[in-house]
PDB file of N, CA and C in Angstrom:
ATOM      1  N   UNK A   1     -94.875  79.829   8.756  1.00  0.00           N
ATOM      2  CA  UNK A   1     -95.039  81.234   9.069  1.00  0.00           C
ATOM      3  C   UNK A   1     -96.159  81.383  10.100  1.00  0.00           C
ATOM      4  N   UNK A   2     -95.904  82.122  11.160  1.00  0.00           N
ATOM      5  CA  UNK A   2     -96.888  82.324  12.218  1.00  0.00           C
ATOM      6  C   UNK A   2     -97.984  83.281  11.749  1.00  0.00           C
ATOM      7  N   UNK A   3     -99.181  83.038  12.219  1.00  0.00           N
ATOM      8  CA  UNK A   3    -100.304  83.896  11.868  1.00  0.00           C
ATOM      9  C   UNK A   3    -100.287  85.137  12.758  1.00  0.00           C
ATOM     10  N   UNK A   4    -100.454  86.298  12.182  1.00  0.00           N
ATOM     11  CA  UNK A   4    -100.447  87.554  12.930  1.00  0.00           C
ATOM     12  C   UNK A   4    -101.706  87.670  13.791  1.00  0.00           C
ATOM     13  N   UNK A   5    -101.602  88.378  14.886  1.00  0.00           N
ATOM     14  CA  UNK A   5    -102.747  88.590  15.769  1.00  0.00           C
ATOM     15  C   UNK A   5    -103.769  89.474  15.056  1.00  0.00           C
ATOM     16  N   UNK A   6    -105.029  89.132  15.176  1.00  0.00           N
ATOM     17  CA  UNK A   6    -106.157  89.891  14.608  1.00  0.00           C
ATOM     18  C   UNK A   6    -106.152  89.921  13.084  1.00  0.00           C
ATOM     19  N   UNK A   7    -105.514  88.998  12.434  1.00  0.00           N
ATOM     20  CA  UNK A   7    -105.496  88.995  10.976  1.00  0.00           C
ATOM     21  C   UNK A   7    -106.779  88.350  10.456  1.00  0.00           C
ATOM     22  N   UNK A   8    -107.540  89.099   9.668  1.00  0.00           N
ATOM     23  CA  UNK A   8    -108.767  88.565   9.084  1.00  0.00           C
ATOM     24  C   UNK A   8    -108.422  87.691   7.889  1.00  0.00           C
ATOM     25  N   UNK A   9    -109.162  86.620   7.744  1.00  0.00           N
ATOM     26  CA  UNK A   9    -108.967  85.750   6.587  1.00  0.00           C
ATOM     27  C   UNK A   9    -109.921  86.171   5.480  1.00  0.00           C
ATOM     28  N   UNK A  10    -109.662  85.710   4.287  1.00  0.00           N
ATOM     29  CA  UNK A  10    -110.534  85.986   3.146  1.00  0.00           C
ATOM     30  C   UNK A  10    -111.942  85.472   3.418  1.00  0.00           C
ATOM     31  N   UNK A  11    -112.030  84.323   4.024  1.00  0.00           N
ATOM     32  CA  UNK A  11    -113.327  83.715   4.334  1.00  0.00           C
ATOM     33  C   UNK A  11    -114.109  84.569   5.337  1.00  0.00           C
ATOM     34  N   UNK A  12    -113.431  85.114   6.360  1.00  0.00           N
ATOM     35  CA  UNK A  12    -114.102  85.964   7.350  1.00  0.00           C
ATOM     36  C   UNK A  12    -114.622  87.249   6.715  1.00  0.00           C
ATOM     37  N   UNK A  13    -113.865  87.832   5.808  1.00  0.00           N
ATOM     38  CA  UNK A  13    -114.280  89.066   5.134  1.00  0.00           C
ATOM     39  C   UNK A  13    -115.507  88.812   4.276  1.00  0.00           C
ATOM     40  N   UNK A  14    -115.500  87.729   3.520  1.00  0.00           N
ATOM     41  CA  UNK A  14    -116.636  87.413   2.642  1.00  0.00           C
ATOM     42  C   UNK A  14    -117.880  87.033   3.432  1.00  0.00           C
ATOM     43  N   UNK A  15    -117.704  86.422   4.614  1.00  0.00           N
ATOM     44  CA  UNK A  15    -118.837  85.951   5.410  1.00  0.00           C
ATOM     45  C   UNK A  15    -119.449  87.038   6.291  1.00  0.00           C
ATOM     46  N   UNK A  16    -118.776  88.154   6.487  1.00  0.00           N
ATOM     47  CA  UNK A  16    -119.272  89.216   7.373  1.00  0.00           C
ATOM     48  C   UNK A  16    -120.539  89.829   6.791  1.00  0.00           C
ATOM     49  N   UNK A  17    -121.640  89.719   7.538  1.00  0.00           N
ATOM     50  CA  UNK A  17    -122.917  90.234   7.053  1.00  0.00           C
ATOM     51  C   UNK A  17    -123.639  91.094   8.087  1.00  0.00           C
ATOM     52  N   UNK A  18    -123.197  91.065   9.355  1.00  0.00           N
ATOM     53  CA  UNK A  18    -123.841  91.853  10.402  1.00  0.00           C
ATOM     54  C   UNK A  18    -123.171  93.216  10.543  1.00  0.00           C
ATOM     55  N   UNK A  19    -123.964  94.240  10.862  1.00  0.00           N
ATOM     56  CA  UNK A  19    -123.450  95.598  11.030  1.00  0.00           C
ATOM     57  C   UNK A  19    -122.384  95.628  12.117  1.00  0.00           C
ATOM     58  N   UNK A  20    -121.277  96.326  11.829  1.00  0.00           N
ATOM     59  CA  UNK A  20    -120.233  96.474  12.833  1.00  0.00           C
ATOM     60  C   UNK A  20    -118.852  96.597  12.214  1.00  0.00           C
ATOM     61  N   UNK A  21    -117.826  96.479  13.083  1.00  0.00           N
ATOM     62  CA  UNK A  21    -116.437  96.573  12.643  1.00  0.00           C
ATOM     63  C   UNK A  21    -115.696  95.328  13.092  1.00  0.00           C
ATOM     64  N   UNK A  22    -114.842  94.811  12.223  1.00  0.00           N
ATOM     65  CA  UNK A  22    -113.951  93.708  12.545  1.00  0.00           C
ATOM     66  C   UNK A  22    -112.532  94.240  12.453  1.00  0.00           C
ATOM     67  N   UNK A  23    -111.711  93.951  13.456  1.00  0.00           N
ATOM     68  CA  UNK A  23    -110.356  94.481  13.501  1.00  0.00           C
ATOM     69  C   UNK A  23    -109.371  93.567  12.787  1.00  0.00           C
ATOM     70  N   UNK A  24    -108.441  94.190  12.095  1.00  0.00           N
ATOM     71  CA  UNK A  24    -107.334  93.479  11.472  1.00  0.00           C
ATOM     72  C   UNK A  24    -106.025  94.115  11.949  1.00  0.00           C
ATOM     73  N   UNK A  25    -106.032  94.656  13.161  1.00  0.00           N
ATOM     74  CA  UNK A  25    -104.850  95.291  13.738  1.00  0.00           C
ATOM     75  C   UNK A  25    -104.628  96.687  13.182  1.00  0.00           C
ATOM     76  N   UNK A  26    -105.406  97.673  13.596  1.00  0.00           N
ATOM     77  CA  UNK A  26    -105.276  99.045  13.101  1.00  0.00           C
ATOM     78  C   UNK A  26    -106.153  99.310  11.897  1.00  0.00           C
ATOM     79  N   UNK A  27    -106.292  98.343  11.057  1.00  0.00           N
ATOM     80  CA  UNK A  27    -107.173  98.429   9.901  1.00  0.00           C
ATOM     81  C   UNK A  27    -108.452  97.698  10.278  1.00  0.00           C
ATOM     82  N   UNK A  28    -109.576  98.258   9.893  1.00  0.00           N
ATOM     83  CA  UNK A  28    -110.856  97.657  10.255  1.00  0.00           C
ATOM     84  C   UNK A  28    -111.669  97.345   9.008  1.00  0.00           C
ATOM     85  N   UNK A  29    -112.539  96.364   9.126  1.00  0.00           N
ATOM     86  CA  UNK A  29    -113.524  96.076   8.086  1.00  0.00           C
ATOM     87  C   UNK A  29    -114.849  96.578   8.621  1.00  0.00           C
ATOM     88  N   UNK A  30    -115.435  97.590   7.967  1.00  0.00           N
ATOM     89  CA  UNK A  30    -116.733  98.118   8.368  1.00  0.00           C
ATOM     90  C   UNK A  30    -117.797  97.459   7.504  1.00  0.00           C
ATOM     91  N   UNK A  31    -118.769  96.832   8.158  1.00  0.00           N
ATOM     92  CA  UNK A  31    -119.838  96.124   7.466  1.00  0.00           C
ATOM     93  C   UNK A  31    -121.136  96.877   7.691  1.00  0.00           C
ATOM     94  N   UNK A  32    -121.825  97.218   6.585  1.00  0.00           N
ATOM     95  CA  UNK A  32    -123.094  97.928   6.646  1.00  0.00           C
ATOM     96  C   UNK A  32    -124.111  97.203   5.773  1.00  0.00           C
ATOM     97  N   UNK A  33    -125.028  96.451   6.389  1.00  0.00           N
ATOM     98  CA  UNK A  33    -126.029  95.755   5.590  1.00  0.00           C
ATOM     99  C   UNK A  33    -127.158  96.680   5.156  1.00  0.00           C
ATOM    100  N   UNK A  34    -127.760  96.360   4.024  1.00  0.00           N
ATOM    101  CA  UNK A  34    -128.957  97.042   3.542  1.00  0.00           C
ATOM    102  C   UNK A  34    -129.912  95.941   3.069  1.00  0.00           C
ATOM    103  N   UNK A  35    -131.149  96.290   2.736  1.00  0.00           N
ATOM    104  CA  UNK A  35    -132.107  95.240   2.363  1.00  0.00           C
ATOM    105  C   UNK A  35    -131.666  94.373   1.175  1.00  0.00           C
ATOM    106  N   UNK A  36    -130.936  94.934   0.223  1.00  0.00           N
ATOM    107  CA  UNK A  36    -130.602  94.160  -0.972  1.00  0.00           C
ATOM    108  C   UNK A  36    -129.141  93.724  -1.073  1.00  0.00           C
ATOM    109  N   UNK A  37    -128.239  94.259  -0.230  1.00  0.00           N
ATOM    110  CA  UNK A  37    -126.833  93.823  -0.281  1.00  0.00           C
ATOM    111  C   UNK A  37    -126.106  94.193   1.009  1.00  0.00           C
ATOM    112  N   UNK A  38    -124.812  93.883   1.058  1.00  0.00           N
ATOM    113  CA  UNK A  38    -123.981  94.208   2.213  1.00  0.00           C
ATOM    114  C   UNK A  38    -122.793  95.021   1.713  1.00  0.00           C
ATOM    115  N   UNK A  39    -122.579  96.196   2.312  1.00  0.00           N
ATOM    116  CA  UNK A  39    -121.462  97.047   1.944  1.00  0.00           C
ATOM    117  C   UNK A  39    -120.314  96.798   2.917  1.00  0.00           C
ATOM    118  N   UNK A  40    -119.095  96.664   2.375  1.00  0.00           N
ATOM    119  CA  UNK A  40    -117.907  96.462   3.196  1.00  0.00           C
ATOM    120  C   UNK A  40    -116.852  97.487   2.796  1.00  0.00           C
ATOM    121  N   UNK A  41    -116.260  98.148   3.785  1.00  0.00           N
ATOM    122  CA  UNK A  41    -115.233  99.158   3.519  1.00  0.00           C
ATOM    123  C   UNK A  41    -114.092  98.986   4.513  1.00  0.00           C
ATOM    124  N   UNK A  42    -112.914  99.531   4.138  1.00  0.00           N
ATOM    125  CA  UNK A  42    -111.720  99.434   4.969  1.00  0.00           C
ATOM    126  C   UNK A  42    -111.307 100.804   5.496  1.00  0.00           C
ATOM    127  N   UNK A  43    -111.761 101.213   6.691  1.00  0.00           N
ATOM    128  CA  UNK A  43    -111.260 102.454   7.290  1.00  0.00           C
ATOM    129  C   UNK A  43    -110.023 102.170   8.150  1.00  0.00           C
ATOM    130  N   UNK A  44    -109.099 103.125   8.189  1.00  0.00           N
ATOM    131  CA  UNK A  44    -107.948 103.060   9.080  1.00  0.00           C
ATOM    132  C   UNK A  44    -108.197 104.076  10.179  1.00  0.00           C
ATOM    133  N   UNK A  45    -108.110 103.652  11.443  1.00  0.00           N
ATOM    134  CA  UNK A  45    -108.390 104.543  12.571  1.00  0.00           C
ATOM    135  C   UNK A  45    -107.160 104.683  13.447  1.00  0.00           C
ATOM    136  N   UNK A  46    -106.966 105.899  13.971  1.00  0.00           N
ATOM    137  CA  UNK A  46    -105.865 106.141  14.902  1.00  0.00           C
ATOM    138  C   UNK A  46    -106.257 107.257  15.856  1.00  0.00           C
ATOM    139  N   UNK A  47    -105.512 107.346  16.959  1.00  0.00           N
ATOM    140  CA  UNK A  47    -105.779 108.355  17.972  1.00  0.00           C
ATOM    141  C   UNK A  47    -104.531 109.209  18.141  1.00  0.00           C
ATOM    142  N   UNK A  48    -104.571 110.488  17.700  1.00  0.00           N
ATOM    143  CA  UNK A  48    -103.432 111.376  17.926  1.00  0.00           C
ATOM    144  C   UNK A  48    -103.267 111.635  19.425  1.00  0.00           C
ATOM    145  N   UNK A  49    -102.064 111.970  19.810  1.00  0.00           N
ATOM    146  CA  UNK A  49    -101.792 112.240  21.221  1.00  0.00           C
ATOM    147  C   UNK A  49    -102.703 113.341  21.738  1.00  0.00           C
ATOM    148  N   UNK A  50    -103.454 113.051  22.795  1.00  0.00           N
ATOM    149  CA  UNK A  50    -104.328 114.039  23.413  1.00  0.00           C
ATOM    150  C   UNK A  50    -105.471 114.509  22.533  1.00  0.00           C
ATOM    151  N   UNK A  51    -105.784 113.779  21.482  1.00  0.00           N
ATOM    152  CA  UNK A  51    -106.840 114.212  20.568  1.00  0.00           C
ATOM    153  C   UNK A  51    -107.990 113.239  20.493  1.00  0.00           C
ATOM    154  N   UNK A  52    -108.813 113.448  19.512  1.00  0.00           N
ATOM    155  CA  UNK A  52    -109.941 112.550  19.335  1.00  0.00           C
ATOM    156  C   UNK A  52    -109.659 111.613  18.161  1.00  0.00           C
ATOM    157  N   UNK A  53    -110.354 110.513  18.112  1.00  0.00           N
ATOM    158  CA  UNK A  53    -110.106 109.482  17.119  1.00  0.00           C
ATOM    159  C   UNK A  53    -110.243 110.020  15.699  1.00  0.00           C
ATOM    160  N   UNK A  54    -109.286 109.675  14.861  1.00  0.00           N
ATOM    161  CA  UNK A  54    -109.294 110.062  13.448  1.00  0.00           C
ATOM    162  C   UNK A  54    -109.540 108.815  12.611  1.00  0.00           C
ATOM    163  N   UNK A  55    -110.107 109.014  11.441  1.00  0.00           N
ATOM    164  CA  UNK A  55    -110.420 107.897  10.559  1.00  0.00           C
ATOM    165  C   UNK A  55    -110.244 108.324   9.106  1.00  0.00           C
ATOM    166  N   UNK A  56    -109.660 107.437   8.318  1.00  0.00           N
ATOM    167  CA  UNK A  56    -109.543 107.685   6.887  1.00  0.00           C
ATOM    168  C   UNK A  56    -109.947 106.400   6.165  1.00  0.00           C
ATOM    169  N   UNK A  57    -110.782 106.533   5.156  1.00  0.00           N
ATOM    170  CA  UNK A  57    -111.218 105.380   4.385  1.00  0.00           C
ATOM    171  C   UNK A  57    -110.219 105.070   3.282  1.00  0.00           C
ATOM    172  N   UNK A  58    -109.860 103.805   3.148  1.00  0.00           N
ATOM    173  CA  UNK A  58    -108.912 103.439   2.094  1.00  0.00           C
ATOM    174  C   UNK A  58    -109.575 102.636   0.980  1.00  0.00           C
ATOM    175  N   UNK A  59    -110.888 102.527   1.026  1.00  0.00           N
ATOM    176  CA  UNK A  59    -111.585 101.882  -0.080  1.00  0.00           C
ATOM    177  C   UNK A  59    -112.632 100.888   0.365  1.00  0.00           C
ATOM    178  N   UNK A  60    -113.466 100.515  -0.577  1.00  0.00           N
ATOM    179  CA  UNK A  60    -114.487  99.529  -0.290  1.00  0.00           C
ATOM    180  C   UNK A  60    -114.218  98.288  -1.114  1.00  0.00           C
ATOM    181  N   UNK A  61    -114.859  97.216  -0.754  1.00  0.00           N
ATOM    182  CA  UNK A  61    -114.671  95.952  -1.446  1.00  0.00           C
ATOM    183  C   UNK A  61    -115.669  95.890  -2.593  1.00  0.00           C
ATOM    184  N   UNK A  62    -115.164  95.695  -3.784  1.00  0.00           N
ATOM    185  CA  UNK A  62    -116.008  95.591  -4.969  1.00  0.00           C
ATOM    186  C   UNK A  62    -115.983  94.154  -5.483  1.00  0.00           C
ATOM    187  N   UNK A  63    -117.073  93.751  -6.074  1.00  0.00           N
ATOM    188  CA  UNK A  63    -117.097  92.433  -6.707  1.00  0.00           C
ATOM    189  C   UNK A  63    -116.673  92.614  -8.160  1.00  0.00           C
ATOM    190  N   UNK A  64    -115.399  92.506  -8.383  1.00  0.00           N
ATOM    191  CA  UNK A  64    -114.848  92.717  -9.719  1.00  0.00           C
ATOM    192  C   UNK A  64    -113.680  91.771  -9.911  1.00  0.00           C
ATOM    193  N   UNK A  65    -113.593  91.145 -11.047  1.00  0.00           N
ATOM    194  CA  UNK A  65    -112.468  90.277 -11.378  1.00  0.00           C
ATOM    195  C   UNK A  65    -111.861  90.717 -12.688  1.00  0.00           C
ATOM    196  N   UNK A  66    -110.535  90.747 -12.726  1.00  0.00           N
ATOM    197  CA  UNK A  66    -109.862  91.071 -13.960  1.00  0.00           C
ATOM    198  C   UNK A  66    -109.918  89.876 -14.907  1.00  0.00           C
ATOM    199  N   UNK A  67    -110.083  90.131 -16.195  1.00  0.00           N
ATOM    200  CA  UNK A  67    -110.031  89.035 -17.155  1.00  0.00           C
ATOM    201  C   UNK A  67    -108.652  88.385 -17.119  1.00  0.00           C
ATOM    202  N   UNK A  68    -108.567  87.134 -17.479  1.00  0.00           N
ATOM    203  CA  UNK A  68    -107.304  86.397 -17.429  1.00  0.00           C
ATOM    204  C   UNK A  68    -106.227  87.040 -18.288  1.00  0.00           C
ATOM    205  N   UNK A  69    -106.581  87.617 -19.430  1.00  0.00           N
ATOM    206  CA  UNK A  69    -105.573  88.184 -20.322  1.00  0.00           C
ATOM    207  C   UNK A  69    -105.026  89.532 -19.815  1.00  0.00           C
ATOM    208  N   UNK A  70    -105.653  90.118 -18.797  1.00  0.00           N
ATOM    209  CA  UNK A  70    -105.205  91.414 -18.288  1.00  0.00           C
ATOM    210  C   UNK A  70    -104.046  91.283 -17.292  1.00  0.00           C
ATOM    211  N   UNK A  71    -103.736  90.068 -16.891  1.00  0.00           N
ATOM    212  CA  UNK A  71    -102.660  89.877 -15.906  1.00  0.00           C
ATOM    213  C   UNK A  71    -101.309  90.055 -16.496  1.00  0.00           C
TER     214      UNK A  71
END
């Protein structure tokens, strides 16, 4: 299977620590560092015809694992 253009890997997402945005093709990873941790969120951005850029957040990355019996 061919790798898609601009596809972020799990390793790239976990390693992102500098402020900024990484593109995953329309979907972005927004990285915001603070003194004690790094916040990562997934905004979706688009440009309506003749308009200004729109953005909607679809969630942030949490450090949470489901217990094995919950699957």
